Amino acid sequence: MFLTDTLWFEIAVVSIIFALGNILMGHFEERTPKYRRVGKYILTLLIVCCISYFFGRIASMAFLASFIIPLLYVHAYYLPRKKGINGWTGEPKGKYYEFRNWDKNIF
């Protein structure tokens, strides 16, 4: 009934990750241009599908899983200790906006 031995499985996994990321964490990307957000999704999708096609599904899923390491480093160590920003809430907003090089005057 459901076949998982096609590239559609990788497309579904990447799409679910990006959908959940945008739903749960999209407010941290409020000032990022839409073309960059869409471009990041398409580039990630192409890389994962190419890795899966040439090296197999295990390699492509390992590639996706490897992003947990820099995520934890940035959010648990770099932002709180080096920049004074809470890595999970992005507070204080002024420091977070300055870190992202966004204009702090949003109104």
C-alpha atoms as a PDB file:
ATOM      1  CA  MET A   1       0.000   0.000   0.000  1.00  0.00           C
ATOM      2  CA  PHE A   2       2.583   2.584   1.086  1.00  0.00           C
ATOM      3  CA  LEU A   3       5.989   2.334  -0.510  1.00  0.00           C
ATOM      4  CA  THR A   4       8.944   3.974   1.187  1.00  0.00           C
ATOM      5  CA  ASP A   5      11.616   2.911  -1.289  1.00  0.00           C
ATOM      6  CA  THR A   6      11.240   6.023  -3.444  1.00  0.00           C
ATOM      7  CA  LEU A   7      12.600   9.544  -3.140  1.00  0.00           C
ATOM      8  CA  TRP A   8       9.134  10.695  -2.075  1.00  0.00           C
ATOM      9  CA  PHE A   9       9.971   9.449   1.401  1.00  0.00           C
ATOM     10  CA  GLU A  10      12.905  11.878   1.652  1.00  0.00           C
ATOM     11  CA  ILE A  11      10.761  14.681   0.259  1.00  0.00           C
ATOM     12  CA  ALA A  12       8.127  13.943   2.913  1.00  0.00           C
ATOM     13  CA  VAL A  13      10.669  13.851   5.754  1.00  0.00           C
ATOM     14  CA  VAL A  14      12.310  17.142   4.741  1.00  0.00           C
ATOM     15  CA  SER A  15       8.915  18.782   4.184  1.00  0.00           C
ATOM     16  CA  ILE A  16       7.654  17.677   7.610  1.00  0.00           C
ATOM     17  CA  ILE A  17      10.809  18.994   9.283  1.00  0.00           C
ATOM     18  CA  PHE A  18      10.446  22.371   7.561  1.00  0.00           C
ATOM     19  CA  ALA A  19       6.693  22.555   8.201  1.00  0.00           C
ATOM     20  CA  LEU A  20       7.108  21.881  11.911  1.00  0.00           C
ATOM     21  CA  GLY A  21      10.047  24.257  12.045  1.00  0.00           C
ATOM     22  CA  ASN A  22       8.045  27.058  10.456  1.00  0.00           C
ATOM     23  CA  ILE A  23       5.027  26.432  12.675  1.00  0.00           C
ATOM     24  CA  LEU A  24       6.949  26.199  15.936  1.00  0.00           C
ATOM     25  CA  MET A  25       9.957  28.449  15.284  1.00  0.00           C
ATOM     26  CA  GLY A  26       8.871  30.733  12.439  1.00  0.00           C
ATOM     27  CA  HIS A  27       8.589  33.770  14.692  1.00  0.00           C
ATOM     28  CA  PHE A  28      12.394  33.770  14.971  1.00  0.00           C
ATOM     29  CA  GLU A  29      12.606  34.252  11.198  1.00  0.00           C
ATOM     30  CA  GLU A  30      10.062  37.050  10.967  1.00  0.00           C
ATOM     31  CA  ARG A  31      12.406  39.437   9.167  1.00  0.00           C
ATOM     32  CA  THR A  32      14.143  36.912   6.928  1.00  0.00           C
ATOM     33  CA  PRO A  33      13.125  37.468   3.291  1.00  0.00           C
ATOM     34  CA  LYS A  34      10.720  34.871   1.907  1.00  0.00           C
ATOM     35  CA  TYR A  35      13.021  33.988  -0.988  1.00  0.00           C
ATOM     36  CA  ARG A  36      15.759  32.972   1.473  1.00  0.00           C
ATOM     37  CA  ARG A  37      13.371  30.788   3.457  1.00  0.00           C
ATOM     38  CA  VAL A  38      12.065  29.084   0.313  1.00  0.00           C
ATOM     39  CA  GLY A  39      15.586  28.799  -1.090  1.00  0.00           C
ATOM     40  CA  LYS A  40      16.818  27.102   2.082  1.00  0.00           C
ATOM     41  CA  TYR A  41      14.014  24.544   1.822  1.00  0.00           C
ATOM     42  CA  ILE A  42      14.653  23.809  -1.866  1.00  0.00           C
ATOM     43  CA  LEU A  43      18.431  23.572  -1.387  1.00  0.00           C
ATOM     44  CA  THR A  44      18.042  21.209   1.576  1.00  0.00           C
ATOM     45  CA  LEU A  45      15.556  19.100  -0.368  1.00  0.00           C
ATOM     46  CA  LEU A  46      17.886  18.840  -3.359  1.00  0.00           C
ATOM     47  CA  ILE A  47      20.894  17.934  -1.216  1.00  0.00           C
ATOM     48  CA  VAL A  48      19.005  15.262   0.729  1.00  0.00           C
ATOM     49  CA  CYS A  49      17.508  13.752  -2.433  1.00  0.00           C
ATOM     50  CA  CYS A  50      20.899  13.704  -4.198  1.00  0.00           C
ATOM     51  CA  ILE A  51      22.584  12.081  -1.210  1.00  0.00           C
ATOM     52  CA  SER A  52      19.806   9.499  -1.048  1.00  0.00           C
ATOM     53  CA  TYR A  53      19.988   8.790  -4.774  1.00  0.00           C
ATOM     54  CA  PHE A  54      23.767   8.409  -4.920  1.00  0.00           C
ATOM     55  CA  PHE A  55      24.619   7.081  -1.440  1.00  0.00           C
ATOM     56  CA  GLY A  56      21.392   5.629  -0.040  1.00  0.00           C
ATOM     57  CA  ARG A  57      18.724   6.518   2.448  1.00  0.00           C
ATOM     58  CA  ILE A  58      20.876   5.875   5.512  1.00  0.00           C
ATOM     59  CA  ALA A  59      23.396   8.480   4.341  1.00  0.00           C
ATOM     60  CA  SER A  60      20.693  11.062   3.655  1.00  0.00           C
ATOM     61  CA  MET A  61      19.020  10.540   7.036  1.00  0.00           C
ATOM     62  CA  ALA A  62      22.436  10.687   8.734  1.00  0.00           C
ATOM     63  CA  PHE A  63      23.033  13.989   6.929  1.00  0.00           C
ATOM     64  CA  LEU A  64      19.756  15.354   8.312  1.00  0.00           C
ATOM     65  CA  ALA A  65      20.480  14.021  11.792  1.00  0.00           C
ATOM     66  CA  SER A  66      23.936  15.630  11.771  1.00  0.00           C
ATOM     67  CA  PHE A  67      22.279  19.063  12.000  1.00  0.00           C
ATOM     68  CA  ILE A  68      21.382  18.324  15.624  1.00  0.00           C
ATOM     69  CA  ILE A  69      25.014  18.887  16.687  1.00  0.00           C
ATOM     70  CA  PRO A  70      25.378  22.508  15.457  1.00  0.00           C
ATOM     71  CA  LEU A  71      21.826  23.264  16.615  1.00  0.00           C
ATOM     72  CA  LEU A  72      22.665  22.229  20.162  1.00  0.00           C
ATOM     73  CA  TYR A  73      26.003  24.062  20.074  1.00  0.00           C
ATOM     74  CA  VAL A  74      24.479  27.330  18.889  1.00  0.00           C
ATOM     75  CA  HIS A  75      21.392  27.266  21.109  1.00  0.00           C
ATOM     76  CA  ALA A  76      22.872  25.764  24.265  1.00  0.00           C
ATOM     77  CA  TYR A  77      26.358  27.304  24.275  1.00  0.00           C
ATOM     78  CA  TYR A  78      27.087  30.067  21.750  1.00  0.00           C
ATOM     79  CA  LEU A  79      23.995  32.271  22.087  1.00  0.00           C
ATOM     80  CA  PRO A  80      23.662  32.205  25.896  1.00  0.00           C
ATOM     81  CA  ARG A  81      27.339  32.356  26.843  1.00  0.00           C
ATOM     82  CA  LYS A  82      28.855  34.460  24.056  1.00  0.00           C
ATOM     83  CA  LYS A  83      25.998  36.755  23.037  1.00  0.00           C
ATOM     84  CA  GLY A  84      23.790  36.914  26.146  1.00  0.00           C
ATOM     85  CA  ILE A  85      20.710  35.680  24.265  1.00  0.00           C
ATOM     86  CA  ASN A  86      18.439  32.917  25.497  1.00  0.00           C
ATOM     87  CA  GLY A  87      18.959  30.203  22.885  1.00  0.00           C
ATOM     88  CA  TRP A  88      15.391  28.893  23.074  1.00  0.00           C
ATOM     89  CA  THR A  89      13.311  32.090  23.381  1.00  0.00           C
ATOM     90  CA  GLY A  90      15.489  34.664  21.596  1.00  0.00           C
ATOM     91  CA  GLU A  91      15.268  37.105  24.487  1.00  0.00           C
ATOM     92  CA  PRO A  92      16.179  39.872  24.968  1.00  0.00           C
ATOM     93  CA  LYS A  93      14.765  40.816  21.588  1.00  0.00           C
ATOM     94  CA  GLY A  94      17.093  43.801  21.206  1.00  0.00           C
ATOM     95  CA  LYS A  95      20.194  41.622  21.413  1.00  0.00           C
ATOM     96  CA  TYR A  96      18.645  38.991  19.144  1.00  0.00           C
ATOM     97  CA  TYR A  97      17.772  41.599  16.498  1.00  0.00           C
ATOM     98  CA  GLU A  98      21.278  43.044  16.771  1.00  0.00           C
ATOM     99  CA  PHE A  99      22.769  39.545  16.376  1.00  0.00           C
ATOM    100  CA  ARG A 100      20.675  39.008  13.226  1.00  0.00           C
ATOM    101  CA  ASN A 101      21.544  42.527  11.952  1.00  0.00           C
ATOM    102  CA  TRP A 102      17.877  43.510  11.906  1.00  0.00           C
ATOM    103  CA  ASP A 103      16.531  46.974  12.660  1.00  0.00           C
ATOM    104  CA  LYS A 104      15.418  47.096  16.307  1.00  0.00           C
ATOM    105  CA  ASN A 105      12.776  49.722  15.603  1.00  0.00           C
ATOM    106  CA  ILE A 106       9.954  47.552  14.304  1.00  0.00           C
ATOM    107  CA  PHE A 107       7.149  50.067  14.882  1.00  0.00           C
END
